[in-house]
N, C-alpha and C. Protein backbone atom coordinates (compact mmCIF):
# COMPACT_ATOMS: atom_id res chain seq x y z
N MET A 1 -5.28 73.59 -35.43
CA MET A 1 -4.81 72.22 -35.29
C MET A 1 -3.48 72.05 -35.99
N GLN A 2 -2.69 71.16 -35.44
CA GLN A 2 -1.41 70.85 -36.04
C GLN A 2 -1.33 69.35 -36.29
N LEU A 3 -0.50 68.98 -37.23
CA LEU A 3 -0.38 67.59 -37.63
C LEU A 3 0.89 66.99 -37.03
N LEU A 4 0.73 65.85 -36.37
CA LEU A 4 1.85 65.10 -35.83
C LEU A 4 2.03 63.88 -36.71
N LYS A 5 3.22 63.76 -37.32
CA LYS A 5 3.50 62.62 -38.20
C LYS A 5 4.41 61.65 -37.48
N LEU A 6 3.98 60.39 -37.45
CA LEU A 6 4.77 59.31 -36.87
C LEU A 6 4.90 58.23 -37.91
N GLY A 7 6.01 58.22 -38.59
CA GLY A 7 6.17 57.27 -39.69
C GLY A 7 5.17 57.60 -40.77
N GLU A 8 4.35 56.61 -41.12
CA GLU A 8 3.33 56.84 -42.15
C GLU A 8 2.00 57.29 -41.55
N ASP A 9 1.89 57.26 -40.23
CA ASP A 9 0.67 57.68 -39.56
C ASP A 9 0.74 59.17 -39.23
N SER A 10 -0.42 59.79 -39.12
CA SER A 10 -0.47 61.18 -38.71
C SER A 10 -1.70 61.39 -37.83
N VAL A 11 -1.58 62.35 -36.93
CA VAL A 11 -2.64 62.67 -35.98
C VAL A 11 -2.79 64.18 -35.93
N HIS A 12 -4.02 64.65 -35.93
CA HIS A 12 -4.29 66.07 -35.76
C HIS A 12 -4.30 66.38 -34.26
N LEU A 13 -3.47 67.33 -33.86
CA LEU A 13 -3.39 67.75 -32.46
C LEU A 13 -4.16 69.04 -32.27
N THR A 14 -4.83 69.15 -31.12
CA THR A 14 -5.43 70.43 -30.76
C THR A 14 -4.30 71.41 -30.45
N THR A 15 -4.63 72.67 -30.34
CA THR A 15 -3.62 73.68 -30.02
C THR A 15 -2.94 73.37 -28.69
N LYS A 16 -3.70 73.01 -27.69
CA LYS A 16 -3.13 72.73 -26.36
C LYS A 16 -2.27 71.47 -26.39
N GLU A 17 -2.70 70.44 -27.10
CA GLU A 17 -1.89 69.22 -27.24
C GLU A 17 -0.56 69.56 -27.90
N ALA A 18 -0.62 70.35 -28.97
CA ALA A 18 0.60 70.74 -29.69
C ALA A 18 1.51 71.59 -28.80
N ASP A 19 0.93 72.52 -28.06
CA ASP A 19 1.73 73.37 -27.17
C ASP A 19 2.42 72.54 -26.10
N LEU A 20 1.70 71.59 -25.53
CA LEU A 20 2.27 70.74 -24.49
C LEU A 20 3.37 69.85 -25.06
N LEU A 21 3.15 69.28 -26.23
CA LEU A 21 4.17 68.44 -26.86
C LEU A 21 5.42 69.26 -27.21
N LYS A 22 5.22 70.47 -27.71
CA LYS A 22 6.37 71.34 -28.01
C LYS A 22 7.18 71.64 -26.75
N LEU A 23 6.47 71.89 -25.66
CA LEU A 23 7.14 72.18 -24.39
C LEU A 23 7.92 70.96 -23.90
N LEU A 24 7.33 69.78 -24.03
CA LEU A 24 8.04 68.55 -23.67
C LEU A 24 9.27 68.37 -24.54
N CYS A 25 9.14 68.63 -25.83
CA CYS A 25 10.28 68.48 -26.75
C CYS A 25 11.38 69.49 -26.43
N LYS A 26 10.98 70.69 -26.09
CA LYS A 26 11.95 71.74 -25.75
C LYS A 26 12.74 71.34 -24.51
N ASN A 27 12.12 70.60 -23.61
CA ASN A 27 12.75 70.16 -22.37
C ASN A 27 13.09 68.67 -22.42
N GLN A 28 13.32 68.16 -23.61
CA GLN A 28 13.57 66.74 -23.83
C GLN A 28 14.64 66.20 -22.88
N ASP A 29 14.34 65.04 -22.30
CA ASP A 29 15.23 64.35 -21.36
C ASP A 29 15.47 65.12 -20.07
N GLU A 30 14.68 66.16 -19.82
CA GLU A 30 14.73 66.91 -18.58
C GLU A 30 13.33 66.89 -17.97
N ILE A 31 13.26 67.13 -16.68
CA ILE A 31 11.95 67.16 -16.02
C ILE A 31 11.23 68.45 -16.38
N LEU A 32 10.01 68.29 -16.85
CA LEU A 32 9.13 69.44 -17.10
C LEU A 32 8.23 69.55 -15.88
N GLU A 33 8.48 70.56 -15.07
CA GLU A 33 7.71 70.74 -13.85
C GLU A 33 6.23 70.97 -14.19
N ARG A 34 5.38 70.31 -13.43
CA ARG A 34 3.93 70.38 -13.65
C ARG A 34 3.43 71.83 -13.63
N ASN A 35 3.84 72.59 -12.63
CA ASN A 35 3.37 73.98 -12.52
C ASN A 35 3.84 74.83 -13.68
N HIS A 36 5.07 74.60 -14.12
CA HIS A 36 5.60 75.35 -15.27
C HIS A 36 4.78 75.04 -16.52
N ALA A 37 4.49 73.77 -16.73
CA ALA A 37 3.71 73.36 -17.91
C ALA A 37 2.31 73.96 -17.86
N LEU A 38 1.67 73.92 -16.70
CA LEU A 38 0.33 74.50 -16.58
C LEU A 38 0.35 75.98 -16.93
N LYS A 39 1.31 76.70 -16.39
CA LYS A 39 1.40 78.14 -16.63
C LYS A 39 1.73 78.43 -18.10
N ALA A 40 2.66 77.65 -18.67
CA ALA A 40 3.10 77.90 -20.05
C ALA A 40 2.01 77.58 -21.07
N VAL A 41 1.24 76.52 -20.84
CA VAL A 41 0.25 76.08 -21.82
C VAL A 41 -1.12 76.70 -21.56
N TRP A 42 -1.53 76.78 -20.30
CA TRP A 42 -2.87 77.26 -19.99
C TRP A 42 -2.91 78.65 -19.37
N GLY A 43 -1.76 79.21 -19.04
CA GLY A 43 -1.72 80.55 -18.47
C GLY A 43 -2.42 80.59 -17.13
N ASP A 44 -3.19 81.63 -16.92
CA ASP A 44 -3.88 81.81 -15.64
C ASP A 44 -5.30 81.26 -15.65
N ASP A 45 -5.62 80.43 -16.61
CA ASP A 45 -6.96 79.85 -16.70
C ASP A 45 -7.16 78.86 -15.55
N ASN A 46 -7.96 79.24 -14.58
CA ASN A 46 -8.18 78.41 -13.39
C ASN A 46 -9.02 77.18 -13.68
N TYR A 47 -9.61 77.10 -14.87
CA TYR A 47 -10.42 75.94 -15.23
C TYR A 47 -9.55 74.69 -15.34
N PHE A 48 -8.32 74.87 -15.79
CA PHE A 48 -7.42 73.74 -15.96
C PHE A 48 -6.57 73.56 -14.71
N ASN A 49 -6.37 72.30 -14.36
CA ASN A 49 -5.53 71.98 -13.21
C ASN A 49 -4.65 70.79 -13.56
N GLY A 50 -3.95 70.28 -12.58
CA GLY A 50 -3.05 69.15 -12.82
C GLY A 50 -3.75 67.94 -13.37
N ARG A 51 -4.98 67.69 -12.96
CA ARG A 51 -5.72 66.52 -13.45
C ARG A 51 -6.08 66.72 -14.92
N SER A 52 -6.42 67.94 -15.29
CA SER A 52 -6.72 68.21 -16.69
C SER A 52 -5.49 67.95 -17.55
N MET A 53 -4.33 68.36 -17.05
CA MET A 53 -3.10 68.14 -17.80
C MET A 53 -2.82 66.65 -17.94
N ASP A 54 -3.17 65.86 -16.93
CA ASP A 54 -2.98 64.41 -17.01
C ASP A 54 -3.75 63.81 -18.19
N VAL A 55 -4.92 64.36 -18.47
CA VAL A 55 -5.71 63.90 -19.61
C VAL A 55 -4.97 64.19 -20.91
N TYR A 56 -4.40 65.38 -21.01
CA TYR A 56 -3.63 65.74 -22.21
C TYR A 56 -2.38 64.88 -22.35
N ILE A 57 -1.71 64.60 -21.25
CA ILE A 57 -0.53 63.73 -21.28
C ILE A 57 -0.93 62.34 -21.74
N ALA A 58 -2.06 61.84 -21.24
CA ALA A 58 -2.54 60.51 -21.65
C ALA A 58 -2.82 60.47 -23.16
N LYS A 59 -3.41 61.54 -23.68
CA LYS A 59 -3.66 61.60 -25.13
C LYS A 59 -2.35 61.59 -25.91
N LEU A 60 -1.37 62.38 -25.46
CA LEU A 60 -0.08 62.41 -26.15
C LEU A 60 0.60 61.05 -26.10
N ARG A 61 0.51 60.38 -24.96
CA ARG A 61 1.09 59.03 -24.86
C ARG A 61 0.43 58.08 -25.86
N LYS A 62 -0.88 58.20 -25.99
CA LYS A 62 -1.61 57.35 -26.93
C LYS A 62 -1.13 57.62 -28.36
N TYR A 63 -0.96 58.88 -28.70
CA TYR A 63 -0.51 59.23 -30.04
C TYR A 63 0.91 58.72 -30.30
N LEU A 64 1.76 58.78 -29.27
CA LEU A 64 3.17 58.42 -29.43
C LEU A 64 3.45 56.93 -29.28
N LYS A 65 2.46 56.15 -28.89
CA LYS A 65 2.72 54.73 -28.62
C LYS A 65 3.17 53.96 -29.86
N GLY A 66 2.94 54.50 -31.03
CA GLY A 66 3.38 53.86 -32.26
C GLY A 66 4.89 53.91 -32.45
N ASP A 67 5.56 54.76 -31.67
CA ASP A 67 7.02 54.87 -31.75
C ASP A 67 7.61 54.50 -30.39
N PRO A 68 8.08 53.25 -30.24
CA PRO A 68 8.57 52.80 -28.94
C PRO A 68 9.83 53.53 -28.46
N SER A 69 10.47 54.29 -29.33
CA SER A 69 11.68 55.01 -28.91
C SER A 69 11.35 56.34 -28.22
N VAL A 70 10.08 56.71 -28.21
CA VAL A 70 9.65 57.97 -27.59
C VAL A 70 8.59 57.66 -26.55
N LYS A 71 8.81 58.16 -25.33
CA LYS A 71 7.77 58.00 -24.32
C LYS A 71 7.80 59.14 -23.32
N ILE A 72 6.66 59.36 -22.70
CA ILE A 72 6.52 60.38 -21.67
C ILE A 72 6.36 59.65 -20.34
N ILE A 73 7.24 59.96 -19.40
CA ILE A 73 7.14 59.31 -18.09
C ILE A 73 6.74 60.34 -17.04
N ASN A 74 6.13 59.84 -15.96
CA ASN A 74 5.82 60.67 -14.80
C ASN A 74 7.06 60.74 -13.91
N VAL A 75 7.31 61.90 -13.36
CA VAL A 75 8.34 62.06 -12.34
C VAL A 75 7.58 62.43 -11.08
N HIS A 76 7.43 61.47 -10.19
CA HIS A 76 6.56 61.60 -9.02
C HIS A 76 6.81 62.91 -8.26
N GLY A 77 5.72 63.63 -8.05
CA GLY A 77 5.76 64.86 -7.28
C GLY A 77 6.36 66.06 -8.00
N ARG A 78 6.77 65.88 -9.26
CA ARG A 78 7.42 66.98 -9.97
C ARG A 78 6.76 67.30 -11.29
N GLY A 79 6.64 66.30 -12.16
CA GLY A 79 6.08 66.58 -13.48
C GLY A 79 6.28 65.43 -14.43
N PHE A 80 6.80 65.74 -15.62
CA PHE A 80 6.92 64.75 -16.69
C PHE A 80 8.27 64.89 -17.38
N LYS A 81 8.63 63.82 -18.08
CA LYS A 81 9.87 63.83 -18.85
C LYS A 81 9.62 63.11 -20.16
N LEU A 82 10.05 63.73 -21.26
CA LEU A 82 9.98 63.11 -22.58
C LEU A 82 11.31 62.42 -22.83
N LEU A 83 11.27 61.10 -22.99
CA LEU A 83 12.47 60.31 -23.24
C LEU A 83 12.52 59.91 -24.70
N THR A 84 13.69 60.05 -25.30
CA THR A 84 13.86 59.63 -26.69
C THR A 84 15.09 58.76 -26.82
């Protein structure tokens, strides 16, 4: 687990949540293609799919909602973008 600090608040992230957030940060303000994210975070694990990733994105959005300057948006048909 890794710790995400937002101001005075902190949240423990699972390994996959942390990996996905790092990938979003690495591609900040650029589109993170859904397939690239799935492959980078989950590898060839067929158990996870795009819907599973949506759950992780929803969790990250919940964690980040305390900072209005940071948000994750959907890019229809492509993936996600972290805006700061």
